[in-house]
Amino acid sequence: MLQKKFSRNMSFEKFLGHTANITSNRIPYYIGWIKHFEKYFSKHRLEEKEAFDPFLVDLQKQFEGWQVAQAKEAVNSIGTIRVFRNHFRKQKII
């Protein structure tokens, strides 16, 4: 859940740490899971909500349970995904 508003000039890493309250050691993993999700639903041409459960099922085939839980936590923050997609994509982060 987003705690504070973000500045359009801040990096996505800073956004996650400051605005979304993600600890600094988890930020690289969150970015990785968010990018992974972006690729998944783009590849399968699904809407965000339609892609979420199949994405997690797909991850369960490749990753440990704690990693799937971390991915779920990262991607489940819809506000985070929207900020990533709408703002930070323009900065060529993905």
N, C-alpha and C. Protein backbone atom coordinates (compact mmCIF):
# COMPACT_ATOMS: atom_id res chain seq x y z
N MET A 1 0.85 -1.18 0.00
CA MET A 1 0.00 0.00 0.00
C MET A 1 0.89 1.24 0.00
N LEU A 2 0.52 2.19 -0.80
CA LEU A 2 1.31 3.41 -0.90
C LEU A 2 1.06 4.30 0.31
N GLN A 3 2.13 4.74 0.92
CA GLN A 3 2.04 5.55 2.12
C GLN A 3 1.99 7.04 1.82
N LYS A 4 2.79 7.49 0.84
CA LYS A 4 2.93 8.91 0.55
C LYS A 4 2.90 9.11 -0.95
N LYS A 5 2.72 10.34 -1.38
CA LYS A 5 2.78 10.65 -2.80
C LYS A 5 4.21 10.66 -3.27
N PHE A 6 4.39 10.42 -4.57
CA PHE A 6 5.73 10.41 -5.12
C PHE A 6 5.98 11.66 -5.94
N SER A 7 7.24 11.96 -6.06
CA SER A 7 7.67 13.07 -6.91
C SER A 7 7.99 12.49 -8.29
N ARG A 8 7.59 13.17 -9.33
CA ARG A 8 7.84 12.69 -10.68
C ARG A 8 9.33 12.65 -11.01
N ASN A 9 10.15 13.31 -10.22
CA ASN A 9 11.58 13.35 -10.47
C ASN A 9 12.36 12.26 -9.73
N MET A 10 11.70 11.53 -8.83
CA MET A 10 12.45 10.54 -8.06
C MET A 10 12.61 9.24 -8.85
N SER A 11 13.67 8.52 -8.55
CA SER A 11 13.92 7.24 -9.20
C SER A 11 12.90 6.22 -8.69
N PHE A 12 12.75 5.14 -9.43
CA PHE A 12 11.81 4.10 -8.99
C PHE A 12 12.29 3.47 -7.70
N GLU A 13 13.60 3.30 -7.55
CA GLU A 13 14.15 2.75 -6.31
C GLU A 13 13.79 3.64 -5.12
N LYS A 14 13.96 4.94 -5.30
CA LYS A 14 13.62 5.87 -4.22
C LYS A 14 12.12 5.85 -3.94
N PHE A 15 11.33 5.77 -5.01
CA PHE A 15 9.89 5.67 -4.84
C PHE A 15 9.52 4.47 -3.98
N LEU A 16 10.10 3.31 -4.28
CA LEU A 16 9.78 2.11 -3.51
C LEU A 16 10.19 2.27 -2.04
N GLY A 17 11.36 2.83 -1.81
CA GLY A 17 11.84 3.00 -0.44
C GLY A 17 11.08 4.05 0.34
N HIS A 18 10.87 5.19 -0.27
CA HIS A 18 10.27 6.31 0.44
C HIS A 18 8.74 6.28 0.44
N THR A 19 8.16 6.06 -0.71
CA THR A 19 6.72 6.17 -0.86
C THR A 19 6.00 4.87 -0.55
N ALA A 20 6.54 3.75 -1.03
CA ALA A 20 5.88 2.47 -0.81
C ALA A 20 6.39 1.75 0.43
N ASN A 21 7.36 2.35 1.14
CA ASN A 21 7.89 1.80 2.39
C ASN A 21 8.53 0.42 2.24
N ILE A 22 9.29 0.20 1.17
CA ILE A 22 10.00 -1.05 0.95
C ILE A 22 11.42 -0.86 1.47
N THR A 23 11.91 -1.81 2.26
CA THR A 23 13.26 -1.68 2.80
C THR A 23 14.29 -1.78 1.67
N SER A 24 15.41 -1.10 1.84
CA SER A 24 16.41 -0.98 0.77
C SER A 24 16.95 -2.33 0.30
N ASN A 25 17.08 -3.30 1.19
CA ASN A 25 17.60 -4.60 0.78
C ASN A 25 16.60 -5.39 -0.07
N ARG A 26 15.33 -5.02 -0.04
CA ARG A 26 14.31 -5.72 -0.83
C ARG A 26 14.00 -5.04 -2.16
N ILE A 27 14.45 -3.80 -2.32
CA ILE A 27 14.11 -3.03 -3.53
C ILE A 27 14.55 -3.73 -4.82
N PRO A 28 15.79 -4.24 -4.93
CA PRO A 28 16.17 -4.90 -6.19
C PRO A 28 15.27 -6.10 -6.53
N TYR A 29 14.82 -6.82 -5.50
CA TYR A 29 13.95 -7.97 -5.74
C TYR A 29 12.56 -7.53 -6.18
N TYR A 30 12.06 -6.48 -5.57
CA TYR A 30 10.76 -5.94 -5.97
C TYR A 30 10.80 -5.49 -7.42
N ILE A 31 11.84 -4.79 -7.79
CA ILE A 31 11.97 -4.33 -9.17
C ILE A 31 12.02 -5.54 -10.11
N GLY A 32 12.76 -6.55 -9.73
CA GLY A 32 12.84 -7.77 -10.55
C GLY A 32 11.49 -8.44 -10.73
N TRP A 33 10.73 -8.57 -9.66
CA TRP A 33 9.41 -9.22 -9.75
C TRP A 33 8.44 -8.38 -10.56
N ILE A 34 8.51 -7.09 -10.40
CA ILE A 34 7.62 -6.20 -11.16
C ILE A 34 7.95 -6.28 -12.65
N LYS A 35 9.22 -6.28 -12.99
CA LYS A 35 9.61 -6.43 -14.39
C LYS A 35 9.17 -7.79 -14.94
N HIS A 36 9.33 -8.81 -14.13
CA HIS A 36 8.92 -10.17 -14.53
C HIS A 36 7.42 -10.20 -14.81
N PHE A 37 6.64 -9.58 -13.95
CA PHE A 37 5.19 -9.53 -14.13
C PHE A 37 4.83 -8.74 -15.39
N GLU A 38 5.49 -7.60 -15.59
CA GLU A 38 5.25 -6.79 -16.78
C GLU A 38 5.46 -7.63 -18.05
N LYS A 39 6.54 -8.37 -18.10
CA LYS A 39 6.83 -9.21 -19.27
C LYS A 39 5.79 -10.31 -19.41
N TYR A 40 5.38 -10.91 -18.29
CA TYR A 40 4.41 -12.00 -18.33
C TYR A 40 3.08 -11.55 -18.92
N PHE A 41 2.51 -10.48 -18.39
CA PHE A 41 1.18 -10.14 -18.89
C PHE A 41 1.25 -9.50 -20.27
N SER A 42 2.37 -8.90 -20.64
CA SER A 42 2.53 -8.39 -22.00
C SER A 42 2.63 -9.54 -23.00
N LYS A 43 3.41 -10.55 -22.63
CA LYS A 43 3.59 -11.71 -23.50
C LYS A 43 2.28 -12.46 -23.72
N HIS A 44 1.50 -12.60 -22.68
CA HIS A 44 0.24 -13.35 -22.76
C HIS A 44 -0.95 -12.48 -23.14
N ARG A 45 -0.67 -11.20 -23.32
CA ARG A 45 -1.70 -10.23 -23.73
C ARG A 45 -2.93 -10.28 -22.82
N LEU A 46 -2.66 -10.24 -21.55
CA LEU A 46 -3.71 -10.26 -20.54
C LEU A 46 -3.77 -8.91 -19.85
N GLU A 47 -4.90 -8.64 -19.26
CA GLU A 47 -5.02 -7.47 -18.40
C GLU A 47 -4.34 -7.80 -17.08
N GLU A 48 -3.99 -6.76 -16.35
CA GLU A 48 -3.27 -6.92 -15.09
C GLU A 48 -3.97 -7.90 -14.14
N LYS A 49 -5.26 -7.72 -13.92
CA LYS A 49 -5.98 -8.58 -12.98
C LYS A 49 -6.10 -10.01 -13.48
N GLU A 50 -6.24 -10.19 -14.79
CA GLU A 50 -6.33 -11.53 -15.37
C GLU A 50 -5.00 -12.27 -15.28
N ALA A 51 -3.91 -11.55 -15.31
CA ALA A 51 -2.58 -12.16 -15.36
C ALA A 51 -2.05 -12.54 -13.99
N PHE A 52 -2.58 -11.96 -12.93
CA PHE A 52 -1.98 -12.12 -11.60
C PHE A 52 -1.93 -13.57 -11.13
N ASP A 53 -3.07 -14.25 -11.10
CA ASP A 53 -3.08 -15.64 -10.62
C ASP A 53 -2.28 -16.59 -11.51
N PRO A 54 -2.45 -16.54 -12.85
CA PRO A 54 -1.61 -17.40 -13.69
C PRO A 54 -0.11 -17.10 -13.55
N PHE A 55 0.23 -15.85 -13.34
CA PHE A 55 1.62 -15.46 -13.11
C PHE A 55 2.17 -16.18 -11.88
N LEU A 56 1.42 -16.17 -10.80
CA LEU A 56 1.87 -16.83 -9.57
C LEU A 56 1.98 -18.34 -9.76
N VAL A 57 1.03 -18.94 -10.47
CA VAL A 57 1.08 -20.38 -10.75
C VAL A 57 2.33 -20.70 -11.55
N ASP A 58 2.63 -19.88 -12.54
CA ASP A 58 3.82 -20.07 -13.35
C ASP A 58 5.08 -19.96 -12.50
N LEU A 59 5.12 -19.00 -11.59
CA LEU A 59 6.28 -18.84 -10.71
C LEU A 59 6.48 -20.05 -9.81
N GLN A 60 5.39 -20.66 -9.36
CA GLN A 60 5.48 -21.81 -8.47
C GLN A 60 6.21 -22.98 -9.12
N LYS A 61 6.22 -23.02 -10.44
CA LYS A 61 6.92 -24.08 -11.16
C LYS A 61 8.43 -23.86 -11.17
N GLN A 62 8.85 -22.63 -10.94
CA GLN A 62 10.26 -22.29 -11.10
C GLN A 62 10.95 -21.84 -9.81
N PHE A 63 10.18 -21.37 -8.85
CA PHE A 63 10.77 -20.72 -7.68
C PHE A 63 10.26 -21.33 -6.37
N GLU A 64 11.00 -21.06 -5.31
CA GLU A 64 10.62 -21.50 -3.97
C GLU A 64 9.40 -20.72 -3.49
N GLY A 65 8.70 -21.29 -2.52
CA GLY A 65 7.49 -20.67 -1.99
C GLY A 65 7.71 -19.26 -1.46
N TRP A 66 8.83 -19.03 -0.77
CA TRP A 66 9.10 -17.70 -0.22
C TRP A 66 9.32 -16.69 -1.34
N GLN A 67 9.88 -17.14 -2.46
CA GLN A 67 10.10 -16.24 -3.59
C GLN A 67 8.77 -15.87 -4.25
N VAL A 68 7.89 -16.85 -4.36
CA VAL A 68 6.56 -16.59 -4.93
C VAL A 68 5.80 -15.62 -4.02
N ALA A 69 5.92 -15.81 -2.71
CA ALA A 69 5.27 -14.90 -1.76
C ALA A 69 5.83 -13.48 -1.90
N GLN A 70 7.14 -13.37 -2.09
CA GLN A 70 7.76 -12.06 -2.27
C GLN A 70 7.27 -11.42 -3.57
N ALA A 71 7.19 -12.21 -4.63
CA ALA A 71 6.69 -11.70 -5.92
C ALA A 71 5.24 -11.24 -5.78
N LYS A 72 4.46 -12.02 -5.07
CA LYS A 72 3.05 -11.66 -4.85
C LYS A 72 2.94 -10.34 -4.12
N GLU A 73 3.75 -10.17 -3.09
CA GLU A 73 3.74 -8.93 -2.32
C GLU A 73 4.16 -7.75 -3.19
N ALA A 74 5.18 -7.94 -4.01
CA ALA A 74 5.67 -6.86 -4.87
C ALA A 74 4.64 -6.48 -5.92
N VAL A 75 4.06 -7.46 -6.56
CA VAL A 75 3.14 -7.21 -7.67
C VAL A 75 1.75 -6.85 -7.18
N ASN A 76 1.39 -7.33 -6.01
CA ASN A 76 0.03 -7.12 -5.49
C ASN A 76 -0.25 -5.66 -5.15
N SER A 77 0.78 -4.88 -5.02
CA SER A 77 0.58 -3.46 -4.76
C SER A 77 0.26 -2.77 -6.08
N ILE A 78 -1.00 -2.75 -6.42
CA ILE A 78 -1.45 -2.23 -7.71
C ILE A 78 -0.98 -0.80 -7.91
N GLY A 79 -0.99 0.00 -6.89
CA GLY A 79 -0.49 1.37 -7.01
C GLY A 79 0.96 1.39 -7.44
N THR A 80 1.76 0.47 -6.92
CA THR A 80 3.17 0.40 -7.30
C THR A 80 3.30 0.05 -8.77
N ILE A 81 2.53 -0.91 -9.23
CA ILE A 81 2.57 -1.32 -10.64
C ILE A 81 2.17 -0.17 -11.54
N ARG A 82 1.14 0.53 -11.19
CA ARG A 82 0.68 1.65 -12.02
C ARG A 82 1.72 2.76 -12.10
N VAL A 83 2.33 3.07 -10.98
CA VAL A 83 3.39 4.09 -10.99
C VAL A 83 4.53 3.63 -11.87
N PHE A 84 4.91 2.37 -11.71
CA PHE A 84 6.00 1.81 -12.51
C PHE A 84 5.66 1.93 -13.99
N ARG A 85 4.49 1.49 -14.36
CA ARG A 85 4.11 1.45 -15.77
C ARG A 85 3.94 2.85 -16.36
N ASN A 86 3.21 3.69 -15.68
CA ASN A 86 2.85 4.98 -16.24
C ASN A 86 3.94 6.03 -16.18
N HIS A 87 4.73 5.99 -15.16
CA HIS A 87 5.73 7.04 -14.99
C HIS A 87 7.14 6.58 -15.33
N PHE A 88 7.57 5.51 -14.70
CA PHE A 88 8.96 5.13 -14.80
C PHE A 88 9.31 4.41 -16.09
N ARG A 89 8.34 3.86 -16.79
CA ARG A 89 8.59 3.27 -18.09
C ARG A 89 9.10 4.34 -19.05
N LYS A 90 8.58 5.55 -18.88
CA LYS A 90 9.02 6.66 -19.72
C LYS A 90 10.50 6.95 -19.54
N GLN A 91 11.03 6.58 -18.38
CA GLN A 91 12.46 6.79 -18.12
C GLN A 91 13.29 5.58 -18.56
N LYS A 92 12.67 4.67 -19.28
CA LYS A 92 13.33 3.49 -19.86
C LYS A 92 13.91 2.55 -18.80
N ILE A 93 13.17 2.37 -17.71
CA ILE A 93 13.60 1.43 -16.68
C ILE A 93 13.35 0.00 -17.14
N ILE A 94 12.32 -0.20 -17.95
CA ILE A 94 12.08 -1.55 -18.49
C ILE A 94 12.31 -1.55 -19.98
